[in-house]
């Protein structure tokens, strides 16, 4: 079917559907950011009106209607103001007198809501403590382009056309799939650029509107006031930080404040008196969308590959059935792996480049982890702790050799169960038993800096020998007896038979036990958490315990994620080195 009209049509339709899906998702997210900006602008406008409008009477909870009407009408003539706004006193509109009034039920809702494309935010009256009574509503419509115009002017639209054209041309001329994959990747990145741009515009719009409102409030605040201070106008910038600052360009910009990326704008309150409004940029929360949009766009090349495979396999029904059955059996495990392994890994990668407030910080968390001396102490302790692995492997191999000799019968089975019992027991229960044993003598071995880590190593050897012994027993049972009998006939003694025959044939098993033992040593956490808590004086503070303390005690999840990724890279490199050094001549299942 390749090269035929049917094949070209099918590939083109699939590429077009996925391109439209990417555009739709990107446009949906852009509108979400525009609506979020409208909500924040409406809240700032409501706060501005409550600040600049005096109460109706000294003891009244309502605003002066005449002054509120003046302030509402003045918003429409404010230089630089471009957001359609309507102000309601109770249910009556004040800006556009011909507009339809609100229903009384609208005043009973205190949370932002949407009606006829505008967000409604409560307008509250004065109150000495807390929020005042709802005396009206502020309605703001999102600014921006329409749906069709927004799609046509976006970066993703020409990229979508390009991907469809490349897919169709590749189907006609049988070009490699990498051309379509590159075009699809460009589409995903262009769509993400549109989403990130919309997020940035939403923050900039709110900062611009807040700057205009704060500057206008500084000239309209009811007296008596000699000078306006930041606390007078801070309610207009609710949810943001307002601090004194030097004069600066009055356009929104980004800068790093205390190690975090912030969106800021300078506000002039008077002659030579400036403040700065700081908030978290919305684009810092868009990292997940690069994965979503790029993944959605790359479904096209994958779908083309699947269609080609179906076409080739259609002539071989048996192969098609066997392959479909194999993927059917693999699907649950693959889904489990994707949900519980791949997705958390991607989320950790996302968190590692963001700060506590969700702002993008790049590699700052990785730099902080590498410069933290406690991280290096925990890494040293982990490496020392992992030295138990060769000891436990030697003991396990020795026990396995003894128990695998023919003629041992039932006693060998009982001894295998005895050695395996510590490994099968509760980790917390075993730890508490050893905690009691370590404190029986005149010296608390777990409370001493020089011996605490050694006690944990001995405890781990005691629990791991049984499991490693069972693996070695399985490996020994796979060695043909003919090899050992031939070596015995050649005059080899017991040590020569072990060193020249048994141990080389156990190399795959030995490598497996070594790699899993080292990985398990770097993942050790429960014994430290239950027995020592990382003490005394950080003597048993291993790297996973350091990750736990950084994330859940200090609530530095970005640094904890960065540290976990560094440990993952370290384990990946160590495992690769072990396979290279010890697995050159081994065969793996």
Protein backbone atom coordinates (compact mmCIF):
# COMPACT_ATOMS: atom_id res chain seq x y z
CA UNK A 1 0.00 0.00 0.00
CA UNK A 2 3.05 2.30 0.36
CA UNK A 3 3.02 5.01 -2.32
CA UNK A 4 -0.64 4.47 -3.24
CA UNK A 5 -3.37 7.06 -2.92
CA UNK A 6 -4.95 5.21 -0.02
CA UNK A 7 -1.71 5.14 1.93
CA UNK A 8 -0.99 8.83 1.28
CA UNK A 9 -4.51 9.79 2.34
CA UNK A 10 -4.31 7.76 5.53
CA UNK A 11 -0.95 9.23 6.58
CA UNK A 12 -2.08 12.75 5.73
CA UNK A 13 -5.31 12.40 7.72
CA UNK A 14 -3.47 11.05 10.75
CA UNK A 15 -0.91 13.87 10.58
CA UNK A 16 -3.66 16.49 10.17
CA UNK A 17 -5.71 15.13 13.09
CA UNK A 18 -2.71 15.16 15.42
CA UNK A 19 -1.66 18.63 14.24
CA UNK A 20 -5.16 19.94 14.97
CA UNK A 21 -5.06 18.23 18.38
CA UNK A 22 -1.78 19.95 19.22
CA UNK A 23 -3.18 23.32 18.13
CA UNK A 24 -6.36 22.75 20.14
CA UNK A 25 -4.49 21.80 23.32
CA UNK A 26 -2.13 24.75 22.97
CA UNK A 27 -4.99 27.19 22.32
CA UNK A 28 -6.96 25.79 25.26
CA UNK A 29 -4.01 26.36 27.57
CA UNK A 30 -3.47 29.87 26.18
CA UNK A 31 -7.07 30.73 26.97
CA UNK A 32 -6.64 29.35 30.47
CA UNK A 33 -3.78 31.75 31.09
CA UNK A 34 -5.78 34.63 29.63
CA UNK A 35 -8.70 33.80 31.94
CA UNK A 36 -6.36 33.54 34.91
CA UNK A 37 -5.00 37.01 34.11
CA UNK A 38 -8.55 38.35 33.92
CA UNK A 39 -9.32 36.92 37.35
CA UNK A 40 -6.26 38.58 38.89
CA UNK A 41 -6.96 41.90 37.15
CA UNK A 42 -10.57 41.86 38.35
CA UNK A 43 -9.42 41.14 41.92
CA UNK A 44 -6.90 44.01 41.76
CA UNK A 45 -9.56 46.33 40.33
CA UNK A 46 -11.96 45.43 43.14
CA UNK A 47 -9.22 46.07 45.70
CA UNK A 48 -8.39 49.40 44.02
CA UNK A 49 -12.00 50.57 44.17
CA UNK A 50 -12.27 49.56 47.82
CA UNK A 51 -9.07 51.52 48.60
CA UNK A 52 -9.87 54.77 46.77
CA UNK A 53 -13.61 54.93 47.54
CA UNK A 54 -14.54 56.27 50.98
CA UNK A 55 -17.31 54.62 52.99
CA UNK A 56 -20.83 55.90 52.74
CA UNK A 57 -20.76 56.89 56.41
CA UNK A 58 -18.24 56.58 59.19
CA UNK A 59 -19.87 53.42 60.54
CA UNK A 60 -21.16 52.09 57.21
CA UNK A 61 -20.05 48.85 55.55
CA UNK A 62 -21.01 50.20 52.13
CA UNK A 63 -19.04 52.42 49.75
CA UNK A 64 -20.09 55.94 48.81
CA UNK A 65 -22.14 55.47 45.64
CA UNK A 66 -21.28 58.83 44.10
CA UNK A 67 -17.54 58.35 44.61
CA UNK A 68 -17.74 54.75 43.40
CA UNK A 69 -19.47 55.92 40.22
CA UNK A 70 -16.72 58.48 39.62
CA UNK A 71 -13.92 55.98 40.23
CA UNK A 72 -15.57 53.33 38.02
CA UNK A 73 -16.07 55.71 35.12
CA UNK A 74 -12.48 56.97 35.51
CA UNK A 75 -11.14 53.48 34.86
CA UNK A 76 -12.32 53.60 31.26
CA UNK A 77 -10.26 56.76 30.61
CA UNK A 78 -7.15 55.65 32.52
CA UNK A 79 -4.17 55.99 30.11
CA UNK A 80 -2.85 52.55 29.21
CA UNK A 81 -5.91 50.66 30.51
CA UNK A 82 -7.10 48.19 27.84
CA UNK A 83 -9.24 45.64 29.68
CA UNK A 84 -13.04 45.90 29.30
CA UNK A 85 -14.38 46.40 32.82
CA UNK A 86 -17.80 46.84 34.38
CA UNK A 87 -18.48 47.77 38.00
CA UNK A 88 -21.74 46.91 39.72
CA UNK A 89 -23.01 48.52 42.90
CA UNK A 90 -25.26 45.85 44.32
CA UNK A 91 -26.85 44.77 41.00
CA UNK A 92 -26.74 48.06 39.06
CA UNK A 93 -24.01 48.68 36.43
CA UNK A 94 -22.06 51.93 36.84
CA UNK A 95 -19.82 52.13 33.75
CA UNK A 96 -22.38 51.22 31.09
CA UNK A 97 -25.77 52.29 32.36
CA UNK A 98 -27.51 50.48 29.50
CA UNK A 99 -26.01 47.12 30.48
CA UNK A 100 -28.24 44.48 32.00
CA UNK A 101 -28.18 44.35 35.82
CA UNK A 102 -27.05 41.39 37.86
CA UNK A 103 -29.39 38.99 39.54
CA UNK A 104 -29.52 39.12 43.34
CA UNK A 105 -28.15 35.57 43.44
CA UNK A 106 -24.87 36.77 41.91
CA UNK A 107 -24.10 38.79 45.05
CA UNK A 108 -24.37 35.73 47.28
CA UNK A 109 -21.37 34.03 45.66
CA UNK A 110 -18.05 35.16 47.12
CA UNK A 111 -15.70 33.32 44.75
CA UNK A 112 -14.80 34.41 41.20
CA UNK A 113 -17.16 33.05 38.55
CA UNK A 114 -17.75 33.49 34.84
CA UNK A 115 -20.79 34.93 33.07
CA UNK A 116 -21.10 35.81 29.39
CA UNK A 117 -17.33 35.66 28.85
CA UNK A 118 -16.46 37.94 31.80
CA UNK A 119 -15.16 37.04 35.22
CA UNK A 120 -17.13 38.36 38.20
CA UNK A 121 -15.21 39.18 41.37
CA UNK A 122 -16.88 40.44 44.56
CA UNK A 123 -16.45 44.11 45.50
CA UNK A 124 -16.23 44.44 49.25
CA UNK A 125 -16.92 47.40 51.48
CA UNK A 126 -14.72 48.75 54.28
CA UNK A 127 -14.13 46.59 57.34
CA UNK A 128 -11.79 47.22 60.27
CA UNK A 129 -10.91 43.53 60.48
CA UNK A 130 -10.93 40.96 57.70
CA UNK A 131 -13.03 41.13 54.54
CA UNK A 132 -15.94 43.50 54.39
CA UNK A 133 -19.43 42.77 53.18
CA UNK A 134 -20.02 42.25 49.47
CA UNK A 135 -21.45 45.53 48.11
CA UNK A 136 -21.05 44.88 44.40
CA UNK A 137 -19.20 43.07 41.66
CA UNK A 138 -16.32 43.85 39.28
CA UNK A 139 -16.51 42.20 35.85
CA UNK A 140 -13.46 42.01 33.54
CA UNK A 141 -13.22 40.40 30.12
CA UNK A 142 -9.98 38.72 29.05
CA UNK A 143 -8.02 40.67 26.49
CA UNK A 144 -6.40 39.05 23.49
CA UNK A 145 -7.14 37.63 20.08
CA UNK A 146 -10.15 35.57 19.10
CA UNK A 147 -10.01 31.80 18.75
CA UNK A 148 -9.51 31.72 14.97
CA UNK A 149 -7.18 34.71 14.86
CA UNK A 150 -5.24 33.39 17.82
CA UNK A 151 -4.63 30.08 16.04
CA UNK A 152 -3.66 31.71 12.76
CA UNK A 153 -1.15 34.10 14.37
CA UNK A 154 0.43 31.48 16.61
CA UNK A 155 3.84 29.95 16.01
CA UNK A 156 2.30 26.49 16.01
CA UNK A 157 0.07 27.10 12.97
CA UNK A 158 2.83 27.20 10.29
CA UNK A 159 4.59 24.37 12.11
CA UNK A 160 1.38 22.32 11.92
CA UNK A 161 1.09 22.97 8.18
CA UNK A 162 4.72 21.98 7.75
CA UNK A 163 4.27 18.70 9.63
CA UNK A 164 1.25 17.73 7.53
CA UNK A 165 3.05 18.58 4.29
CA UNK A 166 6.17 16.65 5.32
CA UNK A 167 4.07 13.65 6.37
CA UNK A 168 2.20 13.63 3.03
CA UNK A 169 5.38 14.11 1.00
CA UNK A 170 7.10 11.34 2.93
CA UNK A 171 4.21 8.98 2.19
CA UNK A 172 4.27 9.82 -1.52
CA UNK A 173 8.02 9.50 -1.99
CA UNK A 174 8.68 6.93 0.76
CA UNK A 175 11.05 9.24 2.58
CA UNK A 176 12.54 8.23 5.97
CA UNK A 177 10.38 8.75 9.01
CA UNK A 178 12.97 11.00 10.62
CA UNK A 179 11.85 13.88 8.40
CA UNK A 180 8.31 13.66 9.73
CA UNK A 181 9.62 13.15 13.27
CA UNK A 182 11.67 16.35 13.01
CA UNK A 183 8.66 18.29 11.70
CA UNK A 184 6.45 16.87 14.47
CA UNK A 185 9.02 17.80 17.10
CA UNK A 186 9.12 21.33 15.67
CA UNK A 187 5.33 21.47 15.96
CA UNK A 188 5.43 20.41 19.61
CA UNK A 189 8.11 22.96 20.47
CA UNK A 190 6.30 25.74 18.58
CA UNK A 191 3.06 24.95 20.43
CA UNK A 192 4.94 25.05 23.73
CA UNK A 193 6.43 28.42 22.73
CA UNK A 194 2.87 29.70 22.22
CA UNK A 195 1.77 28.38 25.62
CA UNK A 196 4.79 29.83 27.38
CA UNK A 197 4.27 33.15 25.61
CA UNK A 198 0.61 33.21 26.72
CA UNK A 199 1.69 32.49 30.29
CA UNK A 200 4.23 35.30 30.18
CA UNK A 201 1.65 37.70 28.73
CA UNK A 202 -0.81 36.84 31.47
CA UNK A 203 1.71 37.80 34.15
CA UNK A 204 2.76 40.94 32.25
CA UNK A 205 -0.88 41.98 31.79
CA UNK A 206 -1.57 41.69 35.49
CA UNK A 207 1.62 43.57 36.38
CA UNK A 208 0.76 46.35 33.94
CA UNK A 209 -2.81 46.65 35.21
CA UNK A 210 -1.60 46.59 38.82
CA UNK A 211 0.97 49.30 38.12
CA UNK A 212 -1.69 51.55 36.57
CA UNK A 213 -4.09 50.96 39.46
CA UNK A 214 -1.46 51.55 42.15
CA UNK A 215 -0.23 54.75 40.52
CA UNK A 216 -3.80 55.98 40.15
CA UNK A 217 -4.58 55.00 43.73
CA UNK A 218 -1.59 57.03 44.97
CA UNK A 219 -3.28 60.18 43.57
CA UNK A 220 -6.87 59.30 44.56
CA UNK A 221 -6.55 57.97 48.11
CA UNK A 222 -8.91 59.79 50.43
CA UNK A 223 -7.17 62.03 52.96
CA UNK A 224 -5.70 62.98 55.22
CA UNK A 225 -2.40 61.54 53.90
CA UNK A 226 0.86 63.41 53.57
CA UNK A 227 2.67 60.64 51.75
CA UNK A 228 1.55 57.35 50.31
CA UNK A 229 3.43 54.33 51.66
CA UNK A 230 3.44 50.82 50.19
CA UNK A 231 1.00 49.50 52.78
CA UNK A 232 -1.63 51.97 51.53
CA UNK A 233 -1.69 50.49 48.03
CA UNK A 234 -0.49 46.93 48.78
CA UNK A 235 -4.08 45.52 48.73
CA UNK A 236 -4.21 46.31 44.99
CA UNK A 237 -1.32 43.85 44.45
CA UNK A 238 -2.84 41.07 46.52
CA UNK A 239 -0.75 37.90 46.40
CA UNK A 240 2.41 39.78 45.40
CA UNK A 241 5.30 41.35 47.27
CA UNK A 242 5.53 45.16 47.38
CA UNK A 243 8.88 46.68 48.41
CA UNK A 244 10.65 50.01 48.16
CA UNK A 245 12.82 50.28 45.07
CA UNK A 246 14.82 52.64 42.91
CA UNK A 247 13.42 54.18 39.75
CA UNK A 248 13.30 51.74 36.82
CA UNK A 249 11.59 51.31 33.46
CA UNK A 250 7.88 50.75 34.02
CA UNK A 251 7.64 47.68 31.79
CA UNK A 252 7.30 44.20 33.31
CA UNK A 253 10.56 42.32 33.43
CA UNK A 254 12.13 39.24 35.02
CA UNK A 255 14.93 39.16 37.55
CA UNK A 256 16.35 36.82 40.16
CA UNK A 257 15.45 37.67 43.76
CA UNK A 258 16.98 35.60 46.56
CA UNK A 259 17.82 32.82 44.14
CA UNK A 260 14.35 32.64 42.52
CA UNK A 261 13.11 34.01 39.23
CA UNK A 262 10.46 36.70 39.76
CA UNK A 263 8.31 38.88 37.52
CA UNK A 264 8.59 42.52 38.64
CA UNK A 265 7.32 45.96 37.68
CA UNK A 266 8.28 49.38 39.01
CA UNK A 267 5.48 51.63 40.32
CA UNK A 268 5.86 55.37 40.92
CA UNK A 269 3.98 56.54 44.02
CA UNK A 270 5.24 60.09 43.96
CA UNK A 271 8.18 62.32 43.21
CA UNK A 272 11.27 60.16 43.63
CA UNK A 273 9.29 57.48 45.48
CA UNK A 274 9.14 54.06 43.81
CA UNK A 275 8.03 50.59 44.82
CA UNK A 276 8.47 47.26 43.10
CA UNK A 277 5.76 44.63 42.71
CA UNK A 278 7.11 41.07 42.62
CA UNK A 279 5.22 37.92 41.77
CA UNK A 280 5.89 34.41 40.53
CA UNK A 281 5.90 34.32 36.72
CA UNK A 282 3.19 32.11 35.25
CA UNK A 283 5.58 30.74 32.63
CA UNK A 284 7.46 28.97 35.42
CA UNK A 285 4.56 26.51 35.66
CA UNK A 286 4.54 25.57 31.97
CA UNK A 287 7.37 23.03 32.06
CA UNK A 288 4.99 20.09 32.00
CA UNK A 289 3.43 21.31 28.75
CA UNK A 290 6.60 20.84 26.76
CA UNK A 291 6.31 17.13 27.57
CA UNK A 292 2.58 16.99 26.82
CA UNK A 293 2.69 18.89 23.53
CA UNK A 294 5.89 17.31 22.29
CA UNK A 295 4.58 13.84 23.17
CA UNK A 296 1.26 14.51 21.45
CA UNK A 297 3.00 15.77 18.30
CA UNK A 298 5.33 12.75 18.17
CA UNK A 299 2.39 10.36 18.17
CA UNK A 300 2.20 11.05 14.42
CA UNK A 301 5.54 9.43 13.52
CA UNK A 302 4.76 6.57 15.88
CA UNK A 303 1.37 6.09 14.24
CA UNK A 304 2.98 6.04 10.79
CA UNK A 305 5.43 3.40 12.00
CA UNK A 306 2.57 1.32 13.40
CA UNK A 307 0.62 1.60 10.15
CA UNK A 308 3.64 0.44 8.16
CA UNK A 309 4.10 -2.51 10.50
CA UNK A 310 0.44 -3.48 10.14
CA UNK A 311 0.78 -3.30 6.35
CA UNK A 312 3.86 -5.52 6.34
CA UNK A 313 2.34 -7.98 8.81
CA UNK A 314 -0.98 -8.23 6.98
CA UNK A 315 0.59 -10.71 4.58
CA UNK A 316 1.69 -12.90 7.52
CA UNK A 317 -1.38 -13.42 9.75
CA UNK A 318 0.40 -15.77 12.11
CA UNK A 319 3.21 -13.31 12.80
CA UNK A 320 0.65 -10.55 13.31
CA UNK A 321 -1.29 -12.64 15.82
CA UNK A 322 1.82 -13.63 17.74
CA UNK A 323 3.10 -10.07 17.90
CA UNK A 324 -0.30 -8.74 18.97
CA UNK A 325 -0.51 -11.42 21.68
CA UNK A 326 2.99 -10.59 22.91
CA UNK A 327 2.21 -6.88 23.17
CA UNK A 328 -1.05 -7.73 24.87
CA UNK A 329 0.80 -9.60 27.60
CA UNK A 330 3.39 -6.83 27.87
CA UNK A 331 0.86 -4.01 28.02
CA UNK A 332 0.00 -4.25 31.77
CA UNK A 333 3.67 -4.33 32.76
CA UNK A 334 4.50 -1.51 30.35
CA UNK A 335 1.62 0.57 31.69
CA UNK A 336 2.73 -0.07 35.27
CA UNK A 337 6.30 0.90 34.36
CA UNK A 338 5.13 4.09 32.63
CA UNK A 339 2.84 5.19 35.47
CA UNK A 340 4.99 4.28 38.46
CA UNK A 341 8.52 4.67 37.06
CA UNK A 342 8.75 6.84 33.95
CA UNK A 343 6.13 9.41 35.00
CA UNK A 344 7.61 9.94 38.52
CA UNK A 345 11.07 10.26 36.97
CA UNK A 346 9.84 12.97 34.62
CA UNK A 347 8.10 14.73 37.52
CA UNK A 348 11.29 14.64 39.59
CA UNK A 349 13.14 16.14 36.63
CA UNK A 350 10.56 18.92 36.48
CA UNK A 351 10.69 19.63 40.22
CA UNK A 352 14.51 19.66 40.22
CA UNK A 353 14.62 22.79 38.04
CA UNK A 354 11.96 24.72 39.97
CA UNK A 355 12.04 26.53 43.29
CA UNK A 356 9.73 26.38 46.30
CA UNK A 357 7.29 28.87 44.76
CA UNK A 358 7.17 27.02 41.44
CA UNK A 359 9.52 29.44 39.67
CA UNK A 360 11.99 28.07 37.16
CA UNK A 361 15.51 28.17 38.65
CA UNK A 362 17.47 26.13 36.12
CA UNK A 363 20.47 24.34 37.62
CA UNK A 364 20.42 26.32 40.89
CA UNK A 365 19.21 23.30 42.88
CA UNK A 366 22.00 21.13 41.48
CA UNK A 367 24.60 23.77 42.38
CA UNK A 368 23.20 24.05 45.90
CA UNK A 369 23.35 20.26 46.33
CA UNK A 370 26.93 20.03 45.09
CA UNK A 371 28.05 22.80 47.46
CA UNK A 372 26.26 21.29 50.49
CA UNK A 373 28.87 19.62 52.79
CA UNK A 374 26.24 17.35 54.36
CA UNK A 375 25.53 15.85 50.95
CA UNK A 376 29.18 14.84 50.61
CA UNK A 377 29.17 13.41 54.14
CA UNK A 378 26.10 11.31 53.33
CA UNK A 379 27.68 10.17 50.06
CA UNK A 380 30.85 9.12 51.89
CA UNK A 381 28.80 7.19 54.44
CA UNK A 382 26.88 5.48 51.66
CA UNK A 383 30.06 4.38 49.89
CA UNK A 384 31.46 3.04 53.16
CA UNK A 385 28.19 1.28 53.90
CA UNK A 386 28.20 -0.37 50.44
CA UNK A 387 31.44 -2.16 51.36
CA UNK A 388 29.28 -4.74 53.11
CA UNK A 389 28.33 -6.11 49.67
CA UNK A 390 31.59 -8.03 48.96
CA UNK A 391 31.54 -9.41 52.51
CA UNK A 392 27.95 -10.64 52.27
CA UNK A 393 28.61 -12.04 48.79
CA UNK A 394 31.61 -14.06 50.01
CA UNK A 395 29.65 -15.45 52.96
CA UNK A 396 26.63 -16.22 50.78
CA UNK A 397 28.76 -18.03 48.20
CA UNK A 398 30.49 -20.06 50.92
CA UNK A 399 27.18 -21.10 52.46
CA UNK A 400 25.75 -21.91 49.03
CA UNK A 401 28.74 -24.13 48.20
CA UNK A 402 28.32 -26.03 51.46
CA UNK A 403 24.56 -26.46 51.15
CA UNK A 404 24.68 -27.43 47.45
CA UNK A 405 26.80 -30.52 47.97
CA UNK A 406 24.94 -33.72 47.11
CA UNK A 407 23.71 -35.87 49.92
CA UNK A 408 22.81 -33.06 52.34
CA UNK A 409 19.10 -33.91 52.15
CA UNK A 410 16.55 -32.42 54.56
CA UNK A 411 19.07 -30.68 56.90
CA UNK A 412 20.25 -28.59 53.95
CA UNK A 413 16.67 -27.49 53.26
CA UNK A 414 16.20 -26.51 56.91
CA UNK A 415 19.46 -24.54 56.92
CA UNK A 416 18.42 -22.72 53.75
CA UNK A 417 15.19 -21.65 55.45
CA UNK A 418 17.11 -20.54 58.54
CA UNK A 419 19.49 -18.37 56.50
CA UNK A 420 16.60 -16.90 54.49
CA UNK A 421 14.44 -16.11 57.54
CA UNK A 422 16.11 -12.73 58.42
CA UNK A 423 15.59 -11.53 54.85
CA UNK A 424 11.90 -12.48 54.96
CA UNK A 425 11.31 -10.81 58.34
CA UNK A 426 9.97 -7.28 58.86
CA UNK A 427 12.69 -4.70 58.32
CA UNK A 428 11.42 -2.50 61.16
CA UNK A 429 11.09 -5.49 63.48
CA UNK A 430 14.61 -6.69 62.73
CA UNK A 431 15.93 -3.17 63.28
CA UNK A 432 14.25 -2.84 66.67
CA UNK A 433 15.64 -6.22 67.77
CA UNK A 434 19.16 -5.14 66.84
CA UNK A 435 18.62 -1.83 68.59
CA UNK A 436 17.93 -3.74 71.79
CA UNK A 437 20.95 -6.00 71.29
CA UNK A 438 23.25 -3.03 70.59
CA UNK A 439 22.34 -1.47 73.93
CA UNK A 440 22.76 -4.54 76.14
CA UNK A 441 26.48 -4.12 76.86
CA UNK A 442 28.27 -1.35 78.72
CA UNK A 443 28.59 0.60 75.47
CA UNK A 444 25.81 1.75 73.15
CA UNK A 445 27.22 0.71 69.77
CA UNK A 446 24.55 2.61 67.84
CA UNK A 447 25.17 5.75 69.88
CA UNK A 448 28.89 5.87 69.16
CA UNK A 449 30.10 7.73 66.09
CA UNK A 450 32.81 5.19 65.20
CA UNK A 451 30.68 2.05 65.50
CA UNK A 452 27.15 3.09 64.46
CA UNK A 453 27.72 2.59 60.73
CA UNK A 454 29.54 -0.69 61.38
CA UNK A 455 26.51 -2.01 63.30
CA UNK A 456 24.27 -1.14 60.35
CA UNK A 457 26.64 -2.96 58.00
CA UNK A 458 26.65 -6.09 60.18
CA UNK A 459 22.86 -5.96 60.41
CA UNK A 460 22.58 -5.75 56.62
CA UNK A 461 25.01 -8.62 56.11
CA UNK A 462 22.94 -10.75 58.49
CA UNK A 463 19.74 -10.02 56.56
CA UNK A 464 21.14 -10.19 53.01
CA UNK A 465 23.23 -13.36 53.19
CA UNK A 466 20.18 -15.59 52.89
CA UNK A 467 18.82 -13.89 49.78
CA UNK A 468 22.21 -13.84 48.06
CA UNK A 469 22.74 -17.47 49.05
CA UNK A 470 19.55 -18.48 47.24
CA UNK A 471 20.72 -16.73 44.06
CA UNK A 472 24.08 -18.47 44.23
CA UNK A 473 22.36 -21.80 44.82
CA UNK A 474 20.30 -21.28 41.67
CA UNK A 475 23.49 -20.52 39.75
CA UNK A 476 25.29 -23.57 41.13
CA UNK A 477 22.43 -25.84 40.13
CA UNK A 478 22.76 -24.66 36.52
CA UNK A 479 26.41 -25.79 36.28
CA UNK A 480 26.56 -29.22 34.60
CA UNK A 481 28.08 -31.88 36.84
CA UNK A 482 30.04 -33.19 33.85
CA UNK A 483 32.37 -30.14 34.02
CA UNK A 484 33.27 -30.82 37.65
CA UNK A 485 33.64 -34.56 37.04
CA UNK A 486 35.98 -33.90 34.11
CA UNK A 487 38.10 -31.58 36.25
CA UNK A 488 38.24 -34.21 39.00
CA UNK A 489 39.37 -36.82 36.48
CA UNK A 490 42.11 -34.42 35.34
CA UNK A 491 43.39 -34.33 38.93
CA UNK A 492 42.09 -30.90 40.01
CA UNK A 493 41.59 -30.51 43.75
CA UNK A 494 38.58 -28.83 45.37
CA UNK A 495 40.08 -25.31 45.21
CA UNK A 496 41.12 -25.71 41.58
CA UNK A 497 37.69 -27.02 40.61
CA UNK A 498 36.09 -23.99 42.29
CA UNK A 499 38.48 -21.38 40.87
CA UNK A 500 38.80 -22.84 37.35
CA UNK A 501 35.29 -24.21 36.77
CA UNK A 502 32.66 -23.12 39.29
CA UNK A 503 33.54 -19.45 39.77
CA UNK A 504 33.92 -18.57 36.05
CA UNK A 505 30.56 -20.19 35.29
CA UNK A 506 29.03 -18.19 38.17
CA UNK A 507 30.14 -14.87 36.67
CA UNK A 508 26.64 -13.82 35.48
CA UNK A 509 25.19 -14.63 38.89
CA UNK A 510 28.05 -12.88 40.68
CA UNK A 511 27.57 -9.78 38.57
CA UNK A 512 23.83 -9.80 39.26
CA UNK A 513 24.35 -10.08 43.02
CA UNK A 514 27.02 -7.36 42.99
CA UNK A 515 24.98 -4.87 40.97
CA UNK A 516 21.76 -5.41 42.94
CA UNK A 517 23.72 -5.27 46.21
CA UNK A 518 25.35 -1.94 45.38
CA UNK A 519 22.03 -0.47 44.22
CA UNK A 520 20.38 -1.72 47.41
CA UNK A 521 23.17 -0.21 49.51
CA UNK A 522 22.63 3.21 47.91
CA UNK A 523 18.88 2.87 48.54
CA UNK A 524 19.22 1.99 52.23
CA UNK A 525 16.92 4.14 54.37
CA UNK A 526 14.78 2.16 56.82
CA UNK A 527 17.54 1.07 59.22
CA UNK A 528 18.88 4.63 59.46
CA UNK A 529 15.41 6.09 59.94
CA UNK A 530 14.43 3.56 62.63
CA UNK A 531 17.71 3.11 64.51
CA UNK A 532 19.86 6.24 64.28
CA UNK A 533 18.05 9.04 62.45
CA UNK A 534 21.31 9.79 60.67
CA UNK A 535 23.30 10.23 63.87
CA UNK A 536 25.30 10.38 65.91
CA UNK A 537 26.82 13.55 64.40
CA UNK A 538 25.79 12.47 60.88
CA UNK A 539 27.84 9.27 61.16
CA UNK A 540 25.03 7.21 59.56
CA UNK A 541 23.46 9.90 57.40
CA UNK A 542 23.27 8.05 54.07
CA UNK A 543 22.25 9.66 50.82
CA UNK A 544 18.61 8.50 50.71
CA UNK A 545 18.10 9.71 54.27
CA UNK A 546 19.61 13.04 53.21
CA UNK A 547 17.09 13.20 50.33
CA UNK A 548 14.26 12.52 52.80
CA UNK A 549 15.41 15.20 55.22
CA UNK A 550 15.93 17.75 52.45
CA UNK A 551 12.49 17.12 51.00
CA UNK A 552 10.23 16.45 53.97
CA UNK A 553 12.00 18.12 56.88
CA UNK A 554 13.34 21.23 55.13
CA UNK A 555 10.58 21.21 52.45
CA UNK A 556 13.22 21.81 49.76
CA UNK A 557 11.69 19.47 47.19
CA UNK A 558 13.66 20.99 44.33
CA UNK A 559 16.98 20.24 46.01
CA UNK A 560 15.79 16.79 47.07
CA UNK A 561 14.82 16.01 43.48
CA UNK A 562 18.17 17.30 42.21
CA UNK A 563 20.01 15.11 44.72
CA UNK A 564 17.94 12.06 43.76
CA UNK A 565 18.79 12.63 40.08
CA UNK A 566 22.49 12.92 40.90
CA UNK A 567 22.31 9.64 42.82
CA UNK A 568 20.48 8.07 39.89
CA UNK A 569 23.26 9.18 37.54
CA UNK A 570 25.90 7.92 39.93
CA UNK A 571 24.25 4.50 40.20
CA UNK A 572 23.81 4.35 36.44
CA UNK A 573 27.52 5.03 35.92
CA UNK A 574 28.57 2.56 38.61
CA UNK A 575 26.34 -0.17 37.15
CA UNK A 576 27.67 0.44 33.66
CA UNK A 577 31.24 0.23 34.95
CA UNK A 578 30.51 -3.04 36.75
CA UNK A 579 29.02 -4.56 33.60
CA UNK A 580 32.01 -3.46 31.56
CA UNK A 581 34.58 -4.74 34.05
CA UNK A 582 32.93 -8.00 35.07
CA UNK A 583 30.54 -8.89 32.27
CA UNK A 584 32.68 -9.02 29.16
CA UNK A 585 32.53 -12.78 28.83
CA UNK A 586 29.16 -13.41 30.46
CA UNK A 587 25.90 -14.12 28.74
CA UNK A 588 22.77 -12.53 30.14
CA UNK A 589 19.22 -13.73 29.85
